[in-house]
Amino acid sequence: MRIYPAIDIKDGKCVRLFKGQFSDVTVYGDSPAKMAKKWESLGGEYIHVVDLDGALKGHGVNAAKIKEICESVNVPVQTGGGIRTMEDIEAKLACGID
């Protein structure tokens, strides 16, 4: 079994939504890249990142944070949230997404 540690990003921070409600947010950290490094150090072989702002708005919002994550770890990073077009895919790949 492969476990994919996940980092959900809202307003540039690591968060979890309670039952998917954007109004009920728990913040787990201010640095998604630091969280990604933590998951990697704990044995994560892949990091999953969700741009929650992007999912809500229909276009990528946290590209800089996602790029920072990709540059800070040595494991592949996958993402979702706000991907609607081929241009969106190309933008994610330009950030370093695997």
N, C-alpha and C. Protein backbone atom coordinates (compact mmCIF):
# COMPACT_ATOMS: atom_id res chain seq x y z
N MET A 1 0.85 -1.17 0.00
CA MET A 1 0.00 0.00 0.00
C MET A 1 0.89 1.23 0.00
N ARG A 2 0.51 2.23 -0.77
CA ARG A 2 1.23 3.51 -0.79
C ARG A 2 0.34 4.57 -0.15
N ILE A 3 0.90 5.29 0.79
CA ILE A 3 0.17 6.37 1.46
C ILE A 3 0.65 7.69 0.88
N TYR A 4 -0.29 8.55 0.52
CA TYR A 4 0.02 9.87 -0.04
C TYR A 4 -0.30 10.93 1.00
N PRO A 5 0.72 11.45 1.70
CA PRO A 5 0.45 12.55 2.61
C PRO A 5 -0.12 13.74 1.82
N ALA A 6 -1.11 14.39 2.38
CA ALA A 6 -1.77 15.49 1.67
C ALA A 6 -1.58 16.81 2.39
N ILE A 7 -1.42 17.84 1.58
CA ILE A 7 -1.35 19.20 2.10
C ILE A 7 -2.42 20.00 1.38
N ASP A 8 -3.41 20.46 2.12
CA ASP A 8 -4.45 21.32 1.56
C ASP A 8 -4.05 22.77 1.84
N ILE A 9 -4.07 23.60 0.78
CA ILE A 9 -3.65 24.99 0.93
C ILE A 9 -4.84 25.93 0.75
N LYS A 10 -5.03 26.79 1.72
CA LYS A 10 -6.05 27.85 1.67
C LYS A 10 -5.39 29.10 2.23
N ASP A 11 -5.49 30.18 1.47
CA ASP A 11 -4.88 31.44 1.89
C ASP A 11 -3.39 31.27 2.19
N GLY A 12 -2.73 30.37 1.44
CA GLY A 12 -1.30 30.16 1.59
C GLY A 12 -0.89 29.32 2.78
N LYS A 13 -1.85 28.77 3.52
CA LYS A 13 -1.57 28.02 4.74
C LYS A 13 -2.00 26.56 4.60
N CYS A 14 -1.43 25.71 5.43
CA CYS A 14 -1.81 24.29 5.49
C CYS A 14 -3.07 24.18 6.34
N VAL A 15 -4.12 23.62 5.76
CA VAL A 15 -5.39 23.59 6.47
C VAL A 15 -6.10 22.25 6.27
N ARG A 16 -7.17 22.07 7.03
CA ARG A 16 -8.16 21.03 6.82
C ARG A 16 -9.52 21.69 6.95
N LEU A 17 -10.39 21.32 6.06
CA LEU A 17 -11.77 21.78 6.14
C LEU A 17 -12.58 20.74 6.90
N PHE A 18 -13.47 21.18 7.74
CA PHE A 18 -14.35 20.26 8.44
C PHE A 18 -15.53 19.96 7.53
N LYS A 19 -15.66 18.70 7.16
CA LYS A 19 -16.74 18.23 6.28
C LYS A 19 -16.81 19.03 4.99
N GLY A 20 -15.65 19.48 4.49
CA GLY A 20 -15.60 20.19 3.22
C GLY A 20 -16.13 21.61 3.25
N GLN A 21 -16.37 22.14 4.43
CA GLN A 21 -16.93 23.48 4.56
C GLN A 21 -15.81 24.52 4.62
N PHE A 22 -15.79 25.43 3.64
CA PHE A 22 -14.76 26.46 3.61
C PHE A 22 -14.88 27.43 4.78
N SER A 23 -16.01 27.43 5.45
CA SER A 23 -16.20 28.32 6.59
C SER A 23 -15.69 27.70 7.90
N ASP A 24 -15.34 26.42 7.87
CA ASP A 24 -14.89 25.73 9.08
C ASP A 24 -13.50 25.16 8.83
N VAL A 25 -12.48 25.98 9.09
CA VAL A 25 -11.10 25.67 8.73
C VAL A 25 -10.23 25.53 9.97
N THR A 26 -9.39 24.51 9.97
CA THR A 26 -8.35 24.37 10.98
C THR A 26 -7.02 24.59 10.29
N VAL A 27 -6.22 25.52 10.81
CA VAL A 27 -4.91 25.81 10.24
C VAL A 27 -3.88 24.96 10.97
N TYR A 28 -3.05 24.24 10.18
CA TYR A 28 -2.02 23.38 10.75
C TYR A 28 -0.61 23.95 10.58
N GLY A 29 -0.48 24.99 9.79
CA GLY A 29 0.83 25.60 9.63
C GLY A 29 0.81 26.69 8.59
N ASP A 30 1.79 27.58 8.69
CA ASP A 30 1.90 28.71 7.77
C ASP A 30 2.76 28.41 6.55
N SER A 31 3.49 27.29 6.57
CA SER A 31 4.42 26.99 5.50
C SER A 31 4.15 25.62 4.88
N PRO A 32 3.46 25.59 3.75
CA PRO A 32 3.23 24.31 3.07
C PRO A 32 4.54 23.60 2.71
N ALA A 33 5.59 24.34 2.34
CA ALA A 33 6.86 23.71 1.99
C ALA A 33 7.48 23.03 3.21
N LYS A 34 7.40 23.68 4.34
CA LYS A 34 7.93 23.07 5.58
C LYS A 34 7.15 21.81 5.92
N MET A 35 5.84 21.83 5.71
CA MET A 35 5.02 20.65 5.97
C MET A 35 5.39 19.53 5.00
N ALA A 36 5.64 19.86 3.75
CA ALA A 36 6.03 18.86 2.76
C ALA A 36 7.36 18.20 3.17
N LYS A 37 8.30 19.01 3.63
CA LYS A 37 9.58 18.46 4.08
C LYS A 37 9.38 17.53 5.27
N LYS A 38 8.46 17.89 6.14
CA LYS A 38 8.16 17.03 7.30
C LYS A 38 7.63 15.69 6.83
N TRP A 39 6.64 15.72 5.90
CA TRP A 39 6.07 14.46 5.39
C TRP A 39 7.16 13.62 4.72
N GLU A 40 8.03 14.28 3.97
CA GLU A 40 9.12 13.55 3.31
C GLU A 40 10.03 12.91 4.36
N SER A 41 10.38 13.65 5.41
CA SER A 41 11.27 13.12 6.45
C SER A 41 10.65 11.95 7.20
N LEU A 42 9.32 11.90 7.21
CA LEU A 42 8.62 10.80 7.89
C LEU A 42 8.38 9.60 6.96
N GLY A 43 8.95 9.66 5.75
CA GLY A 43 8.87 8.52 4.85
C GLY A 43 7.90 8.67 3.70
N GLY A 44 7.28 9.83 3.55
CA GLY A 44 6.38 10.05 2.42
C GLY A 44 7.12 9.91 1.11
N GLU A 45 6.63 9.06 0.23
CA GLU A 45 7.27 8.84 -1.06
C GLU A 45 6.66 9.69 -2.16
N TYR A 46 5.60 10.36 -1.85
CA TYR A 46 4.85 11.21 -2.79
C TYR A 46 4.11 12.22 -1.94
N ILE A 47 3.93 13.42 -2.42
CA ILE A 47 3.15 14.44 -1.69
C ILE A 47 1.97 14.83 -2.57
N HIS A 48 0.79 14.88 -1.98
CA HIS A 48 -0.41 15.32 -2.69
C HIS A 48 -0.78 16.71 -2.17
N VAL A 49 -0.96 17.66 -3.07
CA VAL A 49 -1.26 19.04 -2.69
C VAL A 49 -2.58 19.45 -3.32
N VAL A 50 -3.45 20.06 -2.53
CA VAL A 50 -4.72 20.56 -3.04
C VAL A 50 -4.76 22.07 -2.86
N ASP A 51 -4.98 22.77 -3.97
CA ASP A 51 -5.17 24.22 -3.97
C ASP A 51 -6.66 24.46 -3.71
N LEU A 52 -7.03 24.57 -2.44
CA LEU A 52 -8.44 24.74 -2.10
C LEU A 52 -9.01 26.05 -2.65
N ASP A 53 -8.20 27.11 -2.61
CA ASP A 53 -8.65 28.38 -3.18
C ASP A 53 -8.91 28.20 -4.68
N GLY A 54 -8.03 27.48 -5.34
CA GLY A 54 -8.19 27.22 -6.77
C GLY A 54 -9.44 26.40 -7.06
N ALA A 55 -9.71 25.40 -6.23
CA ALA A 55 -10.91 24.59 -6.42
C ALA A 55 -12.17 25.45 -6.31
N LEU A 56 -12.16 26.37 -5.36
CA LEU A 56 -13.31 27.24 -5.14
C LEU A 56 -13.48 28.26 -6.26
N LYS A 57 -12.36 28.82 -6.73
CA LYS A 57 -12.42 29.88 -7.73
C LYS A 57 -12.39 29.38 -9.17
N GLY A 58 -12.01 28.11 -9.37
CA GLY A 58 -12.01 27.55 -10.71
C GLY A 58 -10.74 27.81 -11.50
N HIS A 59 -9.71 28.30 -10.83
CA HIS A 59 -8.40 28.51 -11.46
C HIS A 59 -7.35 28.50 -10.36
N GLY A 60 -6.13 28.13 -10.73
CA GLY A 60 -5.06 28.05 -9.75
C GLY A 60 -4.83 29.36 -9.02
N VAL A 61 -4.62 29.28 -7.72
CA VAL A 61 -4.40 30.46 -6.90
C VAL A 61 -3.06 30.39 -6.15
N ASN A 62 -2.68 29.20 -5.74
CA ASN A 62 -1.51 29.04 -4.88
C ASN A 62 -0.29 28.48 -5.62
N ALA A 63 -0.08 28.92 -6.85
CA ALA A 63 1.03 28.41 -7.67
C ALA A 63 2.38 28.64 -7.00
N ALA A 64 2.59 29.79 -6.41
CA ALA A 64 3.89 30.08 -5.77
C ALA A 64 4.16 29.10 -4.63
N LYS A 65 3.15 28.80 -3.84
CA LYS A 65 3.30 27.86 -2.73
C LYS A 65 3.56 26.45 -3.25
N ILE A 66 2.86 26.08 -4.32
CA ILE A 66 3.06 24.76 -4.90
C ILE A 66 4.47 24.63 -5.48
N LYS A 67 4.93 25.66 -6.15
CA LYS A 67 6.29 25.65 -6.70
C LYS A 67 7.30 25.53 -5.57
N GLU A 68 7.10 26.25 -4.49
CA GLU A 68 7.99 26.18 -3.33
C GLU A 68 8.04 24.76 -2.76
N ILE A 69 6.89 24.10 -2.71
CA ILE A 69 6.84 22.71 -2.24
C ILE A 69 7.69 21.83 -3.15
N CYS A 70 7.45 21.94 -4.46
CA CYS A 70 8.18 21.11 -5.43
C CYS A 70 9.68 21.30 -5.33
N GLU A 71 10.10 22.53 -5.06
CA GLU A 71 11.54 22.83 -4.96
C GLU A 71 12.15 22.40 -3.63
N SER A 72 11.31 22.14 -2.63
CA SER A 72 11.83 21.86 -1.30
C SER A 72 11.94 20.37 -0.98
N VAL A 73 11.32 19.51 -1.79
CA VAL A 73 11.36 18.07 -1.51
C VAL A 73 12.00 17.32 -2.67
N ASN A 74 12.40 16.09 -2.37
CA ASN A 74 13.03 15.23 -3.37
C ASN A 74 12.12 14.08 -3.77
N VAL A 75 10.85 14.21 -3.48
CA VAL A 75 9.86 13.20 -3.88
C VAL A 75 8.89 13.85 -4.86
N PRO A 76 8.22 13.05 -5.68
CA PRO A 76 7.26 13.61 -6.61
C PRO A 76 6.09 14.29 -5.88
N VAL A 77 5.55 15.32 -6.51
CA VAL A 77 4.40 16.06 -5.97
C VAL A 77 3.29 16.03 -7.00
N GLN A 78 2.10 15.71 -6.54
CA GLN A 78 0.92 15.77 -7.42
C GLN A 78 -0.03 16.81 -6.86
N THR A 79 -0.93 17.31 -7.70
CA THR A 79 -1.81 18.37 -7.23
C THR A 79 -3.19 18.29 -7.85
N GLY A 80 -4.10 19.01 -7.23
CA GLY A 80 -5.45 19.19 -7.73
C GLY A 80 -5.98 20.51 -7.20
N GLY A 81 -7.08 20.95 -7.77
CA GLY A 81 -7.70 22.20 -7.33
C GLY A 81 -7.52 23.30 -8.34
N GLY A 82 -8.59 23.65 -9.02
CA GLY A 82 -8.54 24.74 -9.98
C GLY A 82 -8.02 24.35 -11.35
N ILE A 83 -7.96 23.08 -11.63
CA ILE A 83 -7.46 22.63 -12.93
C ILE A 83 -8.66 22.38 -13.84
N ARG A 84 -8.81 23.24 -14.85
CA ARG A 84 -9.97 23.15 -15.75
C ARG A 84 -9.58 23.09 -17.23
N THR A 85 -8.36 23.54 -17.55
CA THR A 85 -7.96 23.64 -18.95
C THR A 85 -6.55 23.07 -19.15
N MET A 86 -6.16 22.92 -20.40
CA MET A 86 -4.80 22.49 -20.70
C MET A 86 -3.79 23.53 -20.20
N GLU A 87 -4.16 24.80 -20.27
CA GLU A 87 -3.27 25.85 -19.77
C GLU A 87 -3.06 25.70 -18.26
N ASP A 88 -4.11 25.31 -17.55
CA ASP A 88 -3.98 25.07 -16.11
C ASP A 88 -3.01 23.93 -15.85
N ILE A 89 -3.10 22.88 -16.66
CA ILE A 89 -2.19 21.74 -16.52
C ILE A 89 -0.76 22.18 -16.78
N GLU A 90 -0.57 22.94 -17.85
CA GLU A 90 0.78 23.42 -18.18
C GLU A 90 1.35 24.29 -17.08
N ALA A 91 0.52 25.11 -16.46
CA ALA A 91 0.97 25.96 -15.36
C ALA A 91 1.40 25.12 -14.17
N LYS A 92 0.65 24.07 -13.87
CA LYS A 92 1.01 23.19 -12.76
C LYS A 92 2.33 22.48 -13.05
N LEU A 93 2.48 21.99 -14.29
CA LEU A 93 3.73 21.32 -14.65
C LEU A 93 4.91 22.28 -14.56
N ALA A 94 4.69 23.55 -14.91
CA ALA A 94 5.76 24.55 -14.82
C ALA A 94 6.19 24.79 -13.38
N CYS A 95 5.32 24.50 -12.43
CA CYS A 95 5.66 24.62 -11.00
C CYS A 95 6.52 23.46 -10.53
N GLY A 96 6.59 22.40 -11.32
CA GLY A 96 7.38 21.24 -10.94
C GLY A 96 6.55 20.02 -10.57
N ILE A 97 5.26 20.10 -10.76
CA ILE A 97 4.37 18.97 -10.45
C ILE A 97 4.75 17.76 -11.30
N ASP A 98 4.69 16.60 -10.67
CA ASP A 98 4.99 15.35 -11.36
C ASP A 98 3.71 14.88 -12.00
